[in-house]
Protein backbone atom coordinates (compact mmCIF):
# COMPACT_ATOMS: atom_id res chain seq x y z
CA MET A 1 -16.04 -14.80 33.90
CA SER A 2 -14.94 -17.17 36.66
CA GLY A 3 -11.62 -18.25 35.16
CA PHE A 4 -9.27 -18.18 32.22
CA ALA A 5 -10.25 -21.71 31.09
CA GLN A 6 -13.89 -20.70 30.66
CA MET A 7 -12.98 -18.73 27.53
CA PHE A 8 -12.34 -22.00 25.67
CA ASP A 9 -15.81 -23.39 26.40
CA PRO A 10 -17.95 -23.24 23.19
CA SER A 11 -21.02 -22.57 25.32
CA TYR A 12 -19.43 -19.42 26.71
CA LEU A 13 -21.40 -16.35 25.61
CA LEU A 14 -18.34 -14.51 24.23
CA PHE A 15 -16.67 -17.58 22.70
CA PRO A 16 -17.03 -16.20 19.10
CA ALA A 17 -15.18 -13.06 20.15
CA VAL A 18 -12.41 -15.20 21.68
CA VAL A 19 -12.05 -17.12 18.42
CA ALA A 20 -11.96 -13.87 16.42
CA SER A 21 -9.26 -12.40 18.66
CA VAL A 22 -7.10 -15.51 18.34
CA ILE A 23 -7.47 -15.54 14.55
CA LEU A 24 -6.34 -11.93 14.37
CA GLY A 25 -3.48 -12.60 16.76
CA LEU A 26 -2.23 -15.60 14.78
CA VAL A 27 -2.39 -14.27 11.20
CA LEU A 28 -1.80 -10.51 11.36
CA PRO A 29 1.67 -10.80 13.00
CA LEU A 30 2.80 -12.94 10.05
CA ILE A 31 1.82 -10.16 7.65
CA GLY A 32 3.57 -7.62 9.84
CA ALA A 33 6.72 -9.76 10.02
CA TYR A 34 7.13 -9.63 6.25
CA LEU A 35 6.57 -5.87 6.27
CA ILE A 36 9.25 -5.48 8.94
CA LEU A 37 11.67 -7.58 6.88
CA ARG A 38 10.99 -5.28 3.93
CA ARG A 39 11.50 -2.21 6.16
CA ALA A 40 7.94 -1.15 5.35
CA VAL A 41 6.51 -1.22 8.86
CA PHE A 42 4.74 2.12 8.32
CA LEU A 43 2.66 0.39 5.66
CA GLY A 44 0.99 -1.48 8.53
CA LEU A 45 -0.05 1.86 10.01
CA THR A 46 -1.13 3.52 6.78
CA LEU A 47 -3.22 0.76 5.23
CA PRO A 48 -5.61 0.30 8.19
CA GLN A 49 -6.25 4.04 8.13
CA VAL A 50 -6.86 3.89 4.37
CA ALA A 51 -9.29 1.00 4.90
CA GLY A 52 -11.13 3.11 7.46
CA ALA A 53 -11.42 5.94 4.93
CA GLY A 54 -12.86 3.47 2.42
CA LEU A 55 -15.45 2.40 4.98
CA ALA A 56 -16.57 5.98 5.65
CA PHE A 57 -16.62 6.79 1.93
CA THR A 58 -18.80 3.77 1.14
CA PHE A 59 -21.44 4.70 3.69
CA TRP A 60 -21.42 8.30 2.46
CA LEU A 61 -22.17 7.07 -1.07
CA GLN A 62 -24.92 4.89 0.32
CA GLN A 63 -26.45 7.86 2.11
CA LEU A 64 -26.38 9.82 -1.18
CA GLY A 65 -28.21 6.97 -2.91
CA VAL A 66 -25.31 6.06 -5.20
CA LEU A 67 -24.93 2.63 -3.61
CA PRO A 68 -27.87 0.40 -2.69
CA HIS A 69 -28.57 -1.08 0.74
CA LEU A 70 -27.30 -4.65 0.71
CA GLU A 71 -29.28 -7.43 2.31
CA ALA A 72 -26.08 -8.93 3.66
CA GLY A 73 -25.72 -6.02 6.06
CA GLU A 74 -23.45 -3.12 6.84
CA ARG A 75 -20.31 -5.19 7.32
CA SER A 76 -20.45 -6.57 3.78
CA LEU A 77 -20.77 -3.08 2.32
CA GLY A 78 -17.94 -1.85 4.53
CA ILE A 79 -15.68 -4.71 3.43
CA ILE A 80 -16.24 -3.78 -0.22
CA GLY A 81 -15.29 -0.15 0.39
CA SER A 82 -12.29 -1.06 2.54
CA LEU A 83 -10.99 -3.51 -0.06
CA ALA A 84 -11.38 -0.98 -2.86
CA PHE A 85 -9.55 1.82 -1.03
CA THR A 86 -6.85 -0.54 0.27
CA PHE A 87 -5.97 -2.01 -3.12
CA VAL A 88 -6.08 1.37 -4.88
CA ALA A 89 -3.77 2.84 -2.23
CA MET A 90 -1.38 -0.11 -2.49
CA GLY A 91 -1.33 0.24 -6.27
CA LEU A 92 -0.54 3.96 -6.10
CA LEU A 93 2.15 3.47 -3.45
CA GLY A 94 3.69 0.64 -5.47
CA TYR A 95 3.73 2.78 -8.62
CA LEU A 96 5.37 5.69 -6.77
CA GLU A 97 7.91 3.31 -5.25
CA ARG A 98 9.06 2.24 -8.70
CA HIS A 99 8.67 5.46 -10.68
CA GLY A 100 8.56 8.26 -8.10
CA SER A 101 11.20 10.10 -6.13
CA GLY A 102 11.64 11.00 -2.50
CA LEU A 103 11.51 8.92 0.67
CA ALA A 104 9.13 6.00 0.94
CA GLU A 105 8.49 6.94 4.59
CA GLY A 106 7.41 10.40 3.47
CA ARG A 107 4.89 8.98 1.02
CA LEU A 108 3.47 6.65 3.68
CA ALA A 109 3.22 9.51 6.19
CA ALA A 110 1.40 11.69 3.65
CA ALA A 111 -0.96 8.82 2.79
CA TYR A 112 -1.69 8.23 6.47
CA ALA A 113 -2.47 11.90 7.08
CA LEU A 114 -4.66 12.10 3.97
CA ALA A 115 -6.58 8.95 4.87
CA GLY A 116 -7.22 10.22 8.39
CA ALA A 117 -8.45 13.56 7.10
CA LEU A 118 -10.72 11.94 4.50
CA THR A 119 -12.21 9.63 7.12
CA ILE A 120 -13.26 12.61 9.24
CA LEU A 121 -14.61 14.50 6.24
CA PHE A 122 -16.68 11.55 5.00
CA ILE A 123 -18.17 11.15 8.48
CA VAL A 124 -19.03 14.87 8.54
CA PHE A 125 -20.67 14.55 5.12
CA ASN A 126 -22.83 11.70 6.42
CA PRO A 127 -24.20 12.75 9.82
CA ALA A 128 -27.14 10.32 9.52
CA GLY A 129 -24.82 7.31 9.56
CA GLU A 130 -22.20 8.70 11.93
CA THR A 131 -23.05 6.29 14.73
CA GLU A 132 -22.85 3.19 12.53
CA ILE A 133 -19.61 4.30 10.91
CA LEU A 134 -17.92 5.07 14.22
CA SER A 135 -19.10 1.74 15.59
CA LEU A 136 -17.51 -0.14 12.70
CA LEU A 137 -14.31 1.94 12.86
CA LYS A 138 -14.07 1.27 16.58
CA GLY A 139 -14.17 -2.47 15.91
CA GLU A 140 -16.64 -4.29 18.12
CA VAL A 141 -14.93 -7.67 18.42
CA ILE A 142 -16.99 -8.47 21.51
CA ALA A 143 -20.22 -8.14 19.52
CA MET A 144 -19.21 -10.42 16.65
CA SER A 145 -21.76 -13.04 15.60
CA GLY A 146 -21.31 -16.57 14.36
CA ALA A 147 -21.73 -15.43 10.74
CA ASP A 148 -18.96 -12.85 11.20
CA ILE A 149 -16.68 -15.53 12.61
CA LYS A 150 -17.28 -17.71 9.54
CA VAL A 151 -16.35 -14.85 7.20
CA MET A 152 -13.24 -14.06 9.22
CA ALA A 153 -12.20 -17.72 9.44
CA LEU A 154 -12.60 -18.13 5.67
CA VAL A 155 -10.66 -14.99 4.72
CA PHE A 156 -7.85 -15.34 7.25
CA GLY A 157 -7.68 -19.09 6.62
CA LEU A 158 -6.99 -18.43 2.94
CA VAL A 159 -4.41 -15.81 3.87
CA LEU A 160 -2.69 -18.20 6.29
CA VAL A 161 -2.58 -20.98 3.70
CA GLY A 162 -1.02 -18.58 1.18
CA LEU A 163 1.58 -17.39 3.69
CA ILE A 164 2.55 -20.95 4.63
CA TYR A 165 2.53 -22.44 1.12
CA PHE A 166 4.63 -19.64 -0.40
CA ARG A 167 6.72 -18.92 2.69
CA ARG A 168 10.06 -19.64 1.00
CA GLU A 169 9.41 -17.30 -1.91
CA LEU A 170 7.98 -14.56 0.32
CA LEU A 171 10.88 -14.80 2.76
CA LEU A 172 13.45 -14.76 0.00
CA SER A 173 11.91 -11.78 -1.79
CA SER A 174 11.61 -9.90 1.52
CA PHE A 175 15.04 -10.72 2.93
CA ASP A 176 17.34 -10.86 -0.15
CA ARG A 177 15.77 -9.50 -3.33
CA ASP A 178 18.92 -10.00 -5.41
CA LEU A 179 19.08 -13.70 -4.59
CA ALA A 180 15.33 -14.05 -5.14
CA PHE A 181 15.71 -12.59 -8.63
CA LEU A 182 18.59 -14.94 -9.30
CA LEU A 183 16.81 -18.11 -8.18
CA ARG A 184 13.20 -17.35 -9.14
CA GLY A 185 13.63 -15.01 -12.10
CA GLY A 186 11.75 -12.05 -10.62
CA VAL A 187 10.18 -10.73 -7.45
CA ALA A 188 7.23 -8.70 -8.79
CA ALA A 189 4.86 -11.67 -8.59
CA TRP A 190 5.75 -12.35 -4.96
CA ASP A 191 5.43 -8.65 -4.09
CA LEU A 192 1.97 -8.67 -5.66
CA LEU A 193 0.98 -11.82 -3.73
CA LEU A 194 2.15 -10.41 -0.39
CA TYR A 195 0.42 -7.08 -0.95
CA PHE A 196 -2.78 -8.84 -2.01
CA LEU A 197 -2.79 -10.98 1.15
CA SER A 198 -1.94 -7.92 3.27
CA GLY A 199 -4.69 -5.81 1.72
CA LEU A 200 -7.28 -8.57 2.11
CA SER A 201 -6.36 -9.12 5.77
CA ILE A 202 -6.33 -5.42 6.59
CA ALA A 203 -9.59 -4.61 4.82
CA VAL A 204 -11.50 -7.39 6.58
CA GLY A 205 -9.67 -6.89 9.88
CA VAL A 206 -10.53 -3.19 10.02
CA ILE A 207 -14.24 -3.97 9.69
CA MET A 208 -14.11 -6.70 12.30
CA ALA A 209 -11.70 -5.19 14.84
CA GLY A 210 -10.90 -1.58 13.92
CA PRO A 211 -7.72 0.10 12.58
CA LEU A 212 -6.01 0.40 15.97
CA LEU A 213 -6.24 -3.30 16.81
CA VAL A 214 -5.20 -4.36 13.30
CA PHE A 215 -2.12 -2.13 13.39
CA SER A 216 -1.11 -3.31 16.86
CA PHE A 217 -1.35 -7.00 15.92
CA MET A 218 0.62 -6.41 12.72
CA VAL A 219 3.48 -4.53 14.32
CA LEU A 220 3.87 -5.21 18.06
CA PRO A 221 4.21 -9.06 18.13
CA PRO A 222 6.80 -9.10 15.29
CA LEU A 223 8.79 -6.35 17.02
CA ALA A 224 8.78 -8.36 20.23
CA ALA A 225 9.81 -11.55 18.43
CA LYS A 226 12.51 -10.00 16.28
CA GLY A 227 14.89 -9.26 19.13
CA ILE A 228 14.77 -12.69 20.79
CA SER A 229 14.58 -15.11 17.85
CA ARG A 230 17.26 -16.51 15.59
CA GLY A 231 16.35 -17.54 12.08
CA MET A 232 13.44 -16.57 9.89
CA ALA A 233 11.27 -19.61 10.68
CA ARG A 234 11.56 -19.03 14.42
CA PHE A 235 10.91 -15.34 13.96
CA LEU A 236 7.63 -15.97 12.13
CA LEU A 237 6.50 -18.69 14.53
CA LEU A 238 7.32 -16.65 17.63
CA ALA A 239 5.58 -13.54 16.24
CA SER A 240 2.41 -15.54 15.63
CA LEU A 241 2.54 -17.14 19.10
CA ILE A 242 3.06 -13.78 20.81
CA GLY A 243 0.11 -12.38 18.84
CA ALA A 244 -2.15 -15.26 19.94
CA LEU A 245 -1.01 -14.90 23.56
CA THR A 246 -1.67 -11.16 23.43
CA ALA A 247 -5.17 -11.82 22.09
CA LEU A 248 -6.02 -14.33 24.83
CA LEU A 249 -4.57 -12.34 27.73
CA GLY A 250 -6.04 -9.10 26.39
CA PHE A 251 -9.49 -10.65 26.12
CA TYR A 252 -9.29 -12.07 29.64
CA VAL A 253 -8.13 -8.77 31.18
CA SER A 254 -10.68 -6.81 29.18
CA VAL A 255 -13.64 -8.87 30.37
CA ARG A 256 -12.32 -9.33 33.88
CA LEU A 257 -11.68 -5.61 34.50
CA ASP A 258 -14.36 -4.27 32.13
CA TRP A 259 -11.78 -2.50 29.95
CA PRO A 260 -12.18 -1.84 26.18
CA LEU A 261 -10.64 -4.73 24.25
CA GLY A 262 -8.65 -2.76 21.62
CA PRO A 263 -6.64 -0.51 23.97
CA THR A 264 -6.09 -3.46 26.31
CA ASP A 265 -4.54 -5.55 23.53
CA VAL A 266 -2.38 -2.63 22.41
CA THR A 267 -1.11 -2.09 25.96
CA LEU A 268 -0.27 -5.77 26.37
CA GLY A 269 1.46 -5.81 22.98
CA CYS A 270 3.66 -2.90 24.02
CA ALA A 271 4.39 -4.67 27.30
CA PHE A 272 5.60 -7.72 25.37
CA VAL A 273 7.90 -5.47 23.29
CA PHE A 274 9.48 -4.06 26.48
CA ILE A 275 9.76 -7.54 28.01
CA ALA A 276 11.47 -8.84 24.86
CA ALA A 277 13.90 -5.90 24.94
CA GLY A 278 14.74 -6.70 28.56
CA LEU A 279 15.28 -10.38 27.75
CA ARG A 280 17.52 -9.43 24.85
CA ARG A 281 19.72 -7.30 27.11
CA MET A 282 19.89 -10.07 29.71
CA LEU A 283 20.83 -12.63 27.07
CA ALA A 284 23.45 -10.27 25.66
CA ARG A 285 25.04 -9.84 29.09
CA THR A 286 24.93 -13.58 29.70
CA ARG A 287 26.58 -14.27 26.35
CA ALA A 288 29.18 -11.61 27.10
CA LEU A 289 30.06 -13.31 30.38
CA VAL A 290 30.26 -16.68 28.67
CA VAL A 291 32.47 -15.27 25.93
CA LEU A 292 34.72 -13.58 28.50
CA ALA A 293 35.07 -16.79 30.50
CA SER A 294 35.79 -18.78 27.35
CA ALA A 295 38.41 -16.26 26.30
CA VAL A 296 40.16 -16.54 29.66
CA VAL A 297 40.20 -20.33 29.39
CA LEU A 298 41.57 -20.18 25.86
CA ILE A 299 44.26 -17.66 26.77
CA TRP A 300 45.50 -19.59 29.77
CA GLY A 301 44.96 -23.15 28.61
CA CYS A 302 45.46 -23.12 24.86
CA SER A 303 47.88 -21.73 22.36
CA GLN A 304 46.58 -19.83 19.38
CA ARG A 305 46.29 -22.01 16.30
CA PRO A 306 47.24 -20.45 12.96
CA ALA A 307 44.53 -19.98 10.39
CA ALA A 308 44.14 -22.75 7.81
CA PRO A 309 46.10 -22.00 4.63
CA LEU A 310 44.56 -21.61 1.20
CA PRO A 311 44.17 -25.03 -0.47
CA ALA A 312 46.69 -25.80 -3.21
CA ALA A 313 45.53 -25.27 -6.76
CA GLU A 314 46.27 -28.94 -7.51
CA ALA A 315 43.69 -29.99 -4.92
CA LEU A 316 40.89 -28.41 -6.97
CA ALA A 317 42.18 -29.04 -10.49
CA PRO A 318 40.74 -29.39 -13.02
CA GLU A 319 37.64 -27.80 -11.40
CA PRO A 320 37.58 -23.99 -11.40
CA VAL A 321 37.15 -21.39 -8.68
CA TRP A 322 34.00 -19.38 -9.40
CA LEU A 323 34.68 -15.78 -8.44
CA PHE A 324 31.39 -14.07 -7.54
CA ARG A 325 30.91 -10.32 -7.48
CA VAL A 326 32.08 -8.69 -4.26
CA LYS A 327 29.21 -7.93 -1.90
CA ASN A 328 28.97 -4.47 -0.36
CA THR A 329 27.23 -4.29 3.03
CA SER A 330 29.05 -1.16 4.20
CA GLY A 331 26.14 1.12 3.36
CA LEU A 332 28.34 3.27 1.09
CA SER A 333 28.45 3.34 -2.71
CA LEU A 334 32.28 2.94 -2.77
CA ARG A 335 32.56 4.34 -6.31
CA LEU A 336 36.06 5.18 -7.43
CA PRO A 337 36.64 8.86 -8.22
CA SER A 338 37.00 9.74 -11.89
CA ALA A 339 40.28 11.25 -13.09
CA ASN A 340 38.62 12.57 -16.24
CA PRO A 341 37.24 16.11 -15.69
CA LEU A 342 34.98 15.80 -18.75
CA ARG A 343 33.33 12.77 -17.20
CA SER A 344 32.68 14.71 -13.98
CA LEU A 345 31.10 17.54 -15.98
CA ALA A 346 28.92 15.04 -17.84
CA GLU A 347 27.75 13.56 -14.53
CA MET A 348 26.93 17.01 -13.17
CA ALA A 349 24.95 17.80 -16.32
CA GLY A 350 23.01 14.56 -16.00
CA ARG A 351 24.28 13.17 -19.29
CA LEU A 352 26.19 10.35 -17.62
CA SER A 353 25.15 8.30 -14.61
CA PRO A 354 27.59 8.01 -11.67
CA ASP A 355 26.58 4.34 -11.48
CA ALA A 356 28.70 3.70 -14.58
CA ARG A 357 31.89 4.43 -12.62
CA ALA A 358 34.02 1.56 -11.32
CA THR A 359 33.81 0.69 -7.64
CA VAL A 360 36.04 -0.71 -4.93
CA MET A 361 34.16 -3.99 -5.39
CA ASP A 362 35.20 -4.11 -9.07
CA ALA A 363 38.82 -3.38 -8.19
CA MET A 364 38.88 -6.03 -5.48
CA ARG A 365 37.33 -8.65 -7.75
CA ALA A 366 39.91 -7.96 -10.46
CA ALA A 367 42.73 -8.16 -7.91
CA LEU A 368 41.36 -11.43 -6.53
CA ARG A 369 41.21 -12.94 -10.01
CA GLU A 370 44.79 -11.91 -10.74
CA GLU A 371 46.07 -13.29 -7.42
CA LEU A 372 44.28 -16.63 -7.76
CA GLN A 373 45.50 -17.09 -11.33
CA ARG A 374 49.05 -16.28 -10.20
CA ARG A 375 48.74 -19.11 -7.66
CA GLY A 376 47.72 -21.57 -10.38
CA PHE A 377 43.94 -21.68 -9.92
CA VAL A 378 41.54 -21.89 -12.83
CA VAL A 379 39.32 -18.83 -12.25
CA ARG A 380 35.97 -18.35 -13.94
CA LEU A 381 33.25 -15.75 -13.53
CA PRO A 382 29.68 -16.99 -12.83
CA GLU A 383 28.14 -14.69 -15.45
CA GLU A 384 30.12 -16.57 -18.11
CA LYS A 385 27.90 -19.58 -17.36
CA ASP A 386 24.68 -17.76 -16.45
CA PRO A 387 24.25 -14.10 -17.57
CA ARG A 388 21.67 -13.54 -14.81
CA LEU A 389 24.52 -13.65 -12.28
CA ALA A 390 26.20 -10.55 -13.70
CA ALA A 391 24.73 -8.31 -10.99
CA ALA A 392 24.14 -10.89 -8.22
CA THR A 393 26.10 -10.77 -4.96
CA PRO A 394 25.05 -13.87 -3.00
CA ASP A 395 26.77 -15.07 0.16
CA ALA A 396 28.33 -18.43 1.07
CA LYS A 397 25.04 -19.82 2.42
CA ALA A 398 23.62 -19.83 -1.11
CA ALA A 399 26.44 -21.99 -2.53
CA PRO A 400 24.59 -25.37 -2.55
CA THR A 401 21.50 -23.79 -4.11
CA LEU A 402 23.55 -22.02 -6.77
CA ALA A 403 25.48 -25.21 -7.52
CA ARG A 404 22.31 -27.27 -7.80
CA GLU A 405 20.31 -24.84 -9.93
CA GLY A 406 23.18 -23.38 -11.95
CA GLY A 407 25.30 -26.49 -12.44
CA PHE A 408 28.44 -25.08 -10.83
CA GLY A 409 31.26 -27.38 -9.76
CA GLY A 410 34.58 -26.89 -8.01
CA ALA A 411 34.76 -24.08 -5.46
CA MET A 412 33.15 -20.67 -5.00
CA LEU A 413 34.80 -17.57 -3.57
CA PHE A 414 32.52 -15.07 -1.82
CA THR A 415 33.75 -11.67 -0.62
CA ASP A 416 31.90 -9.17 1.56
CA ILE A 417 33.06 -5.59 2.23
CA ARG A 418 31.47 -4.74 5.56
CA ARG A 419 33.40 -1.54 6.19
CA TRP A 420 35.50 0.70 3.94
CA GLU A 421 36.12 4.20 5.21
CA THR A 422 38.86 6.81 4.98
CA ASP A 423 39.37 10.25 6.47
CA SER A 424 42.49 11.01 4.47
CA ARG A 425 44.85 9.40 1.94
CA GLN A 426 47.01 7.92 4.72
CA PHE A 427 44.96 4.83 5.58
CA VAL A 428 41.68 3.01 4.91
CA ARG A 429 39.67 1.38 7.70
CA ALA A 430 38.53 -1.93 6.25
CA TRP A 431 36.51 -4.94 7.34
CA VAL A 432 36.43 -7.58 4.61
CA GLU A 433 35.42 -11.24 4.80
CA LEU A 434 36.51 -13.87 2.24
CA LYS A 435 35.13 -17.41 2.13
CA LEU A 436 36.07 -20.23 -0.24
CA VAL A 437 33.46 -23.00 -0.16
CA ARG A 438 32.99 -26.27 -2.01
CA ALA A 439 30.19 -25.88 -4.54
CA SER A 440 28.67 -29.31 -4.07
CA ASP A 441 27.83 -29.11 -0.37
CA GLY A 442 28.84 -25.62 0.78
CA ALA A 443 31.67 -26.92 3.00
CA LEU A 444 34.09 -24.17 4.07
CA LEU A 445 37.54 -24.72 2.51
CA TRP A 446 39.22 -21.45 3.51
CA GLU A 447 38.28 -18.12 5.06
CA ARG A 448 39.89 -14.88 6.08
CA THR A 449 38.58 -11.83 7.93
CA ILE A 450 40.63 -8.65 7.64
CA ARG A 451 39.52 -5.97 10.05
CA ARG A 452 42.02 -3.17 10.53
CA ALA A 453 43.40 0.09 9.16
CA LEU A 454 45.31 -0.46 5.92
CA PRO A 455 48.14 2.11 5.47
CA THR A 456 48.30 3.94 2.12
CA PRO A 457 50.92 6.65 2.75
CA GLY A 458 52.10 7.06 -0.85
CA ALA A 459 48.69 7.63 -2.42
CA ALA A 460 48.36 10.80 -4.46
CA ASP A 461 44.56 10.78 -4.52
CA LEU A 462 41.60 8.88 -3.13
CA GLY A 463 41.42 6.47 -6.07
CA GLN A 464 45.05 5.48 -5.65
CA ALA A 465 44.51 5.09 -1.89
CA TYR A 466 41.67 2.66 -2.51
CA GLY A 467 43.82 0.69 -4.98
CA ASP A 468 46.75 0.48 -2.53
CA ALA A 469 44.38 -0.61 0.23
CA VAL A 470 43.04 -3.45 -1.95
CA LYS A 471 46.59 -4.65 -2.64
CA ALA A 472 47.55 -4.49 1.05
CA LEU A 473 44.39 -6.34 2.07
CA LEU A 474 44.92 -9.20 -0.39
CA ALA A 475 48.59 -9.47 0.55
CA GLU A 476 47.57 -10.00 4.16
CA ALA A 477 44.69 -12.34 3.31
CA PHE A 478 46.81 -14.69 1.17
CA GLN A 479 49.99 -14.68 3.26
């Protein structure tokens, strides 16, 4: 190949393989991005291996005479087997996710190991077709024909259309499942759609390109894009562009240096991940210098302005303040200890769930309601208007959507506990954010961020310490 531009010439001998590589690089990173958002990245490793096991199993059945020889060729038969195994595996994993116990990563690791072992066994059972099976598992993108390109373009085109058309629902169900349930009334349908598109892409991709290349395109470009992009739309777009660039550069290097295409693409994908990590560190240092310089200018040239006070109750009357449930992003359950020993025994015996106990979030919400009512505000709870909001903990960004779809007026108060830890009954390390926004347009009316150790020296037990910390926090927030 004389130059990089020659790859884009339709008369070029390997032009179909170039098109196939670009299709894989554009679409598979989008699937992988959603899996990363769902913290299910190992699913992108397990499913290609499962699809490979389905391919080997199908050809073993054909060698036994159970399945007929199709006129459409080996790839069509392999796609059928890969699809069957992929969807069955996804159904079993989904069932275990909802009804099973244990770690999801452990189930995926066991499924990956089992699929790999079954692939080898099915190949051993079918020595007559070993060469064909290994060839398909290896993924000969270079040898793809025009008919293969048409099949790939049709399948991945449908997948891409589905990902673009339902991008809002898929993003919402992947990023914030509570809010997705609130706004759309359920997430099972969107889970099913995403898993269907993922299974279809993986099953066809494994036949066309092999498990290794499919996994690398699903995982490496999104990992590279995640660290250097802001916002979900940019993250998805950048992941797809990095995947396409990896496909083009990998194809060029592979043909130029006579290297195998799959390992070359994987190596380039890893290189992009390391490059993105380096850029992220450079940007972080640059931002740190900018922040430091800005801080110096502010300290020397400006005086500190006091935080805006809480609006007067008369400014909102007669509209209410909607007090949403306190959000907990601390990573801890924050359940209040029970003072009733019989309740503790019932929990230990499994007759009573610990989830029924009150939490710090409940105590803080009750204290907020009391404080706002004392200041003259009309306070209402969102679940009084819409029962579906009883368990929802949205943030301030969702205010306009909630107001539009739920008919809320006035103002909305959102609270987020980002840290709540204690080593003794003497103090509680807290980081809590409060935001009061106008319901109609989401404009910020008042906010406070409390991030310090709250003293609780007179607490007799942990529950009392948490209660005293809530009182001290609100006293500081509303001063």
